[in-house]
Amino acid sequence: MESHQVRYFVALAEALNFTRAAERCNVTQPSLTRAIKQLEDELGGPLFHRERNNTHLTELGRTMRPFLSQIFDNMQAAKTRARDMLQLKRASLEVGLMCTIGPTKLVDLIGSFRRRYPDVELRLRDGKGQMLQDALIAGELDVAVMGLPEGLDDRLSPIPLFSEDFMITFTPGHRFEAMEEVPAAELDGEPYISRANCEFADHANRIISSLGVNVRPLYRSEREDWVLAMILAGLGWGFTPECSVSLPGLEGRRLVQPNISRTIHVATVRGRPHSPAVGAFVREAVSWRSRGCPAGRVTETLVSADPVAAA
């Protein structure tokens, strides 16, 4: 059964006139008649009684009409849905955001994408970098904003967006406040509040420990609010990406000797066919990079997110 046969049948069932049905379908009458005959052969019997001025459905035609009409409606709905998707209407997009990237850094990107493509259903999923990478490769995400200390998987196609140094964070009054930068040697023996979700924390600990510096973890949590509360209470120092040092009362100094930094990318799967919405998001991310990756205001509700906890 061909799609044009279904379309011709629906038109003829409504018009009950071969000439008018052919005009409605923008085909010649012999073409329409031939297609209906082929459909009748496939279904095993006549669908229409052909009389000079009284074409009407046979019993088989009346039985088949709701089924073929439903097929026709589904075909039309599929074409409309495909057209809307290609025009970025009613499209959906699963975006992974690495949970250790400060929200103020990404909210301008998310907001500008939403304003430019308001009909795209944007679903945000936050998580650890490795989890996002696995989900992206598995097809559970369309695109991700992330970075890993060992670099991204070769199966991904990353575009760098921005780089940021890691800071040593503390409460005002800490001895680090008098320093312009904090050499790693100054961390020796100092109580450390560890961010469990930080992809670079273990990487940094290995580097610092190799220098003979004893980093003394006091507390480790997956909850960012608890980590910040402990630091603000003066119970220890934190290891925080530069763009996340934005909480009032939180002081930060750049870690040096060694300096540790990370690069954040927008990543898709290399060679995988992508929807127009994915291409639109990547283009918006590149545009955001060209504007200097400005931060936004987290107080403004910019998008309806469907976050998934990283734990």
Protein backbone atom coordinates (compact mmCIF):
# COMPACT_ATOMS: atom_id res chain seq x y z
CA MET A 1 0.00 0.00 0.00
CA GLU A 2 1.48 3.31 -1.12
CA SER A 3 0.92 6.65 0.58
CA HIS A 4 -0.47 8.25 -2.57
CA GLN A 5 -3.04 5.44 -2.86
CA VAL A 6 -4.27 6.22 0.65
CA ARG A 7 -4.44 9.93 -0.17
CA TYR A 8 -6.41 9.28 -3.38
CA PHE A 9 -8.82 6.97 -1.56
CA VAL A 10 -9.55 9.57 1.15
CA ALA A 11 -10.15 12.28 -1.48
CA LEU A 12 -12.44 10.05 -3.55
CA ALA A 13 -14.35 8.85 -0.47
CA GLU A 14 -15.10 12.49 0.35
CA ALA A 15 -15.82 13.74 -3.20
CA LEU A 16 -17.47 10.56 -4.58
CA ASN A 17 -16.43 11.85 -7.99
CA PHE A 18 -13.29 10.75 -9.81
CA THR A 19 -12.83 14.06 -11.64
CA ARG A 20 -13.13 16.23 -8.52
CA ALA A 21 -10.96 13.87 -6.50
CA ALA A 22 -8.24 13.97 -9.14
CA GLU A 23 -8.36 17.78 -9.17
CA ARG A 24 -8.12 17.89 -5.38
CA CYS A 25 -5.07 15.62 -5.48
CA ASN A 26 -3.56 17.54 -8.41
CA VAL A 27 -3.25 14.44 -10.61
CA THR A 28 -4.91 13.26 -13.80
CA GLN A 29 -8.07 11.19 -13.53
CA PRO A 30 -6.47 8.12 -15.21
CA SER A 31 -3.64 8.25 -12.61
CA LEU A 32 -6.11 8.38 -9.74
CA THR A 33 -8.26 5.60 -11.25
CA ARG A 34 -5.19 3.39 -11.74
CA ALA A 35 -4.03 3.93 -8.14
CA ILE A 36 -7.48 3.10 -6.73
CA LYS A 37 -7.57 -0.08 -8.86
CA GLN A 38 -4.15 -1.13 -7.50
CA LEU A 39 -5.37 -0.51 -3.95
CA GLU A 40 -8.49 -2.59 -4.60
CA ASP A 41 -6.34 -5.42 -5.96
CA GLU A 42 -4.21 -5.30 -2.81
CA LEU A 43 -7.21 -5.28 -0.46
CA GLY A 44 -8.99 -8.02 -2.40
CA GLY A 45 -12.14 -6.34 -3.67
CA PRO A 46 -13.77 -3.18 -5.04
CA LEU A 47 -13.85 -0.13 -2.79
CA PHE A 48 -16.20 1.94 -4.93
CA HIS A 49 -19.24 1.26 -7.08
CA ARG A 50 -18.53 3.15 -10.30
CA GLU A 51 -21.71 4.57 -11.78
CA ARG A 52 -22.06 7.51 -14.14
CA ASN A 53 -23.56 9.93 -11.62
CA ASN A 54 -23.56 7.81 -8.48
CA THR A 55 -20.09 6.73 -7.37
CA HIS A 56 -20.31 5.40 -3.83
CA LEU A 57 -18.43 3.22 -1.36
CA THR A 58 -18.89 -0.52 -1.36
CA GLU A 59 -19.24 -2.42 1.91
CA LEU A 60 -15.50 -3.10 1.81
CA GLY A 61 -14.87 0.59 1.12
CA ARG A 62 -16.98 1.65 4.09
CA THR A 63 -15.13 -0.84 6.29
CA MET A 64 -11.72 0.33 5.12
CA ARG A 65 -12.48 4.05 5.24
CA PRO A 66 -11.79 4.69 8.97
CA PHE A 67 -8.55 2.71 8.79
CA LEU A 68 -7.27 4.45 5.67
CA SER A 69 -8.44 7.83 6.96
CA GLN A 70 -6.44 7.24 10.16
CA ILE A 71 -3.38 6.31 8.10
CA PHE A 72 -3.82 9.49 6.07
CA ASP A 73 -4.19 11.63 9.22
CA ASN A 74 -1.05 10.05 10.71
CA MET A 75 0.86 10.72 7.50
CA GLN A 76 -0.18 14.37 7.59
CA ALA A 77 0.72 14.66 11.27
CA ALA A 78 4.13 13.11 10.60
CA LYS A 79 4.83 15.56 7.78
CA THR A 80 3.76 18.49 9.95
CA ARG A 81 5.90 17.28 12.85
CA ALA A 82 8.92 16.84 10.59
CA ARG A 83 8.45 20.30 9.09
CA ASP A 84 8.09 21.89 12.52
CA MET A 85 11.21 20.11 13.74
CA LEU A 86 13.25 21.23 10.76
CA GLN A 87 12.01 24.77 11.37
CA LEU A 88 12.84 24.42 15.10
CA LYS A 89 9.19 24.43 16.12
CA ARG A 90 8.15 21.90 18.74
CA ALA A 91 11.67 20.42 18.69
CA SER A 92 13.19 19.07 21.89
CA LEU A 93 16.81 19.22 23.01
CA GLU A 94 18.53 17.32 25.84
CA VAL A 95 21.48 19.39 27.08
CA GLY A 96 23.96 18.17 29.68
CA LEU A 97 25.58 20.77 31.91
CA MET A 98 28.52 19.83 34.10
CA CYS A 99 27.40 20.46 37.67
CA THR A 100 30.66 22.11 38.74
CA ILE A 101 30.26 24.98 36.27
CA GLY A 102 28.88 28.00 38.11
CA PRO A 103 25.30 28.75 37.03
CA THR A 104 26.04 32.43 36.57
CA LYS A 105 28.52 31.46 33.88
CA LEU A 106 26.04 29.53 31.75
CA VAL A 107 22.74 31.31 32.37
CA ASP A 108 23.42 33.90 29.64
CA LEU A 109 24.02 31.12 27.09
CA ILE A 110 20.82 29.29 28.07
CA GLY A 111 18.83 32.51 28.11
CA SER A 112 20.06 33.71 24.72
CA PHE A 113 19.27 30.32 23.15
CA ARG A 114 15.75 30.37 24.59
CA ARG A 115 15.10 33.88 23.33
CA ARG A 116 16.33 33.02 19.83
CA TYR A 117 14.53 29.64 19.65
CA PRO A 118 11.48 29.96 21.94
CA ASP A 119 9.70 26.93 20.43
CA VAL A 120 12.47 24.46 21.26
CA GLU A 121 11.72 22.43 24.38
CA LEU A 122 15.02 22.68 26.21
CA ARG A 123 15.65 20.04 28.90
CA LEU A 124 18.72 20.54 31.07
CA ARG A 125 20.44 17.67 32.83
CA ASP A 126 23.25 18.38 35.26
CA GLY A 127 25.81 15.88 36.46
CA LYS A 128 29.46 15.00 36.80
CA GLY A 129 31.55 15.34 33.68
CA GLN A 130 32.17 11.61 33.23
CA MET A 131 28.47 10.85 33.66
CA LEU A 132 27.57 13.42 31.01
CA GLN A 133 30.19 12.06 28.63
CA ASP A 134 28.83 8.51 29.00
CA ALA A 135 25.24 9.74 28.50
CA LEU A 136 26.24 11.72 25.42
CA ILE A 137 27.95 8.73 23.81
CA ALA A 138 24.98 6.49 24.71
CA GLY A 139 22.57 8.88 22.96
CA GLU A 140 20.81 9.94 26.18
CA LEU A 141 21.94 13.54 25.62
CA ASP A 142 22.07 15.56 22.41
CA VAL A 143 24.84 17.95 23.44
CA ALA A 144 26.84 18.68 26.60
CA VAL A 145 28.82 21.55 28.11
CA MET A 146 31.71 19.99 29.99
CA GLY A 147 35.43 19.48 30.50
CA LEU A 148 37.57 16.71 31.99
CA PRO A 149 41.16 16.81 33.28
CA GLU A 150 42.25 13.98 30.95
CA GLY A 151 40.42 15.50 27.97
CA LEU A 152 37.26 14.30 26.28
CA ASP A 153 36.68 10.95 24.62
CA ASP A 154 37.92 10.71 21.02
CA ARG A 155 34.36 9.82 19.96
CA LEU A 156 33.25 13.34 20.84
CA SER A 157 33.58 16.51 18.80
CA PRO A 158 34.40 19.30 21.29
CA ILE A 159 34.47 23.04 20.65
CA PRO A 160 36.29 25.01 23.37
CA LEU A 161 34.22 27.78 24.95
CA PHE A 162 36.29 29.20 27.81
CA SER A 163 39.09 28.37 30.22
CA GLU A 164 39.24 29.14 33.91
CA ASP A 165 41.81 28.79 36.67
CA PHE A 166 41.11 27.09 39.96
CA MET A 167 41.01 29.23 43.06
CA ILE A 168 41.63 28.62 46.71
CA THR A 169 38.50 29.86 48.50
CA PHE A 170 38.13 30.81 52.15
CA THR A 171 36.28 33.07 54.54
CA PRO A 172 37.49 36.64 55.25
CA GLY A 173 40.09 36.69 58.00
CA HIS A 174 41.89 33.57 56.83
CA ARG A 175 45.65 33.96 56.48
CA PHE A 176 45.29 33.44 52.70
CA GLU A 177 43.51 36.80 52.53
CA ALA A 178 46.84 38.61 52.82
CA MET A 179 48.22 36.80 49.76
CA GLU A 180 47.76 37.88 46.13
CA GLU A 181 48.06 34.23 45.07
CA VAL A 182 48.28 31.00 47.04
CA PRO A 183 51.25 28.74 46.26
CA ALA A 184 50.41 25.04 46.66
CA ALA A 185 53.03 24.72 49.41
CA GLU A 186 50.90 27.00 51.62
CA LEU A 187 48.14 24.36 51.65
CA ASP A 188 50.27 21.92 53.63
CA GLY A 189 48.37 20.84 56.73
CA GLU A 190 45.51 23.30 56.19
CA PRO A 191 42.00 21.83 56.70
CA TYR A 192 40.40 21.19 53.29
CA ILE A 193 36.66 21.16 52.45
CA SER A 194 36.33 18.85 49.44
CA ARG A 195 33.73 19.15 46.64
CA ALA A 196 32.96 15.50 45.79
CA ASN A 197 31.52 16.40 42.39
CA CYS A 198 34.61 18.28 41.24
CA GLU A 199 36.19 16.41 38.33
CA PHE A 200 39.51 18.17 38.90
CA ALA A 201 39.80 17.71 42.69
CA ASP A 202 41.50 14.29 42.60
CA HIS A 203 43.59 15.42 39.63
CA ALA A 204 44.80 18.44 41.62
CA ASN A 205 45.38 16.40 44.77
CA ARG A 206 47.68 14.05 42.86
CA ILE A 207 49.67 16.95 41.46
CA ILE A 208 49.94 18.74 44.79
CA SER A 209 50.78 15.55 46.71
CA SER A 210 53.57 14.80 44.23
CA LEU A 211 55.17 18.05 45.42
CA GLY A 212 55.25 16.76 48.98
CA VAL A 213 52.31 18.90 50.11
CA ASN A 214 50.01 17.17 52.62
CA VAL A 215 46.43 18.13 51.76
CA ARG A 216 44.29 17.33 54.81
CA PRO A 217 40.63 16.68 53.89
CA LEU A 218 38.33 17.63 56.74
CA TYR A 219 34.96 17.24 55.04
CA ARG A 220 33.74 15.89 51.69
CA SER A 221 30.27 16.39 50.26
CA GLU A 222 28.38 16.13 46.97
CA ARG A 223 26.25 19.08 48.06
CA GLU A 224 27.69 22.39 46.93
CA ASP A 225 25.68 24.36 49.51
CA TRP A 226 27.18 22.34 52.37
CA VAL A 227 30.71 22.78 51.04
CA LEU A 228 30.26 26.54 50.75
CA ALA A 229 28.63 26.75 54.18
CA MET A 230 31.60 24.96 55.76
CA ILE A 231 34.07 27.26 54.00
CA LEU A 232 32.11 30.39 54.99
CA ALA A 233 32.05 29.11 58.57
CA GLY A 234 35.85 29.22 58.56
CA LEU A 235 36.27 25.45 58.91
CA GLY A 236 38.65 25.09 55.97
CA TRP A 237 39.59 26.11 52.46
CA GLY A 238 38.01 25.03 49.20
CA PHE A 239 39.22 24.27 45.67
CA THR A 240 36.84 26.19 43.40
CA PRO A 241 36.66 27.00 39.66
CA GLU A 242 37.24 30.70 39.04
CA CYS A 243 33.79 31.38 37.61
CA SER A 244 32.10 29.86 40.64
CA VAL A 245 33.63 32.27 43.16
CA SER A 246 30.56 34.49 43.25
CA LEU A 247 28.94 33.92 46.65
CA PRO A 248 28.92 37.02 48.89
CA GLY A 249 31.48 36.66 51.65
CA LEU A 250 33.53 34.04 49.80
CA GLU A 251 37.11 35.10 49.14
CA GLY A 252 39.30 33.55 46.47
CA ARG A 253 42.94 33.58 45.44
CA ARG A 254 44.47 31.91 42.39
CA LEU A 255 46.31 28.66 43.05
CA VAL A 256 49.89 28.85 41.75
CA GLN A 257 53.01 26.73 41.77
CA PRO A 258 51.39 24.87 40.14
CA ASN A 259 48.59 26.68 38.38
CA ILE A 260 45.66 24.36 37.61
CA SER A 261 43.04 25.28 35.02
CA ARG A 262 40.36 23.66 32.91
CA THR A 263 38.77 24.22 29.51
CA ILE A 264 35.02 23.95 29.09
CA HIS A 265 33.71 22.66 25.74
CA VAL A 266 30.38 22.27 23.99
CA ALA A 267 30.49 18.66 22.80
CA THR A 268 28.52 16.43 20.44
CA VAL A 269 29.21 12.88 19.21
CA ARG A 270 31.53 12.86 16.23
CA GLY A 271 29.89 11.67 13.01
CA ARG A 272 26.42 11.25 14.51
CA PRO A 273 23.57 12.83 12.51
CA HIS A 274 22.16 15.64 14.61
CA SER A 275 18.85 17.47 14.62
CA PRO A 276 18.65 21.13 13.61
CA ALA A 277 18.15 21.98 17.29
CA VAL A 278 21.59 20.57 18.14
CA GLY A 279 23.19 22.64 15.40
CA ALA A 280 21.33 25.72 16.65
CA PHE A 281 22.60 25.20 20.20
CA VAL A 282 26.19 24.71 19.06
CA ARG A 283 26.00 27.86 16.93
CA GLU A 284 24.57 29.80 19.87
CA ALA A 285 27.40 28.53 22.10
CA VAL A 286 30.00 29.67 19.55
CA SER A 287 28.27 33.06 19.35
CA TRP A 288 28.32 33.25 23.15
CA ARG A 289 32.07 32.51 23.05
CA SER A 290 32.60 35.31 20.53
CA ARG A 291 30.89 37.67 23.00
CA GLY A 292 33.41 36.69 25.67
CA CYS A 293 31.20 34.09 27.42
CA PRO A 294 29.41 36.71 29.56
CA ALA A 295 27.84 35.65 32.84
CA GLY A 296 24.13 36.14 33.45
CA ARG A 297 21.79 36.79 36.37
CA VAL A 298 20.64 33.64 38.14
CA THR A 299 17.70 35.50 39.69
CA GLU A 300 15.89 35.55 36.33
CA THR A 301 13.94 32.44 35.36
CA LEU A 302 15.14 31.82 31.83
CA VAL A 303 14.15 28.23 31.05
CA SER A 304 12.04 25.40 32.40
CA ALA A 305 14.70 22.87 33.33
CA ASP A 306 14.35 19.20 34.15
CA PRO A 307 17.55 18.65 36.13
CA VAL A 308 18.75 15.22 37.12
CA ALA A 309 20.84 15.03 40.27
CA ALA A 310 24.43 14.04 39.80
CA ALA A 311 24.43 11.55 42.63
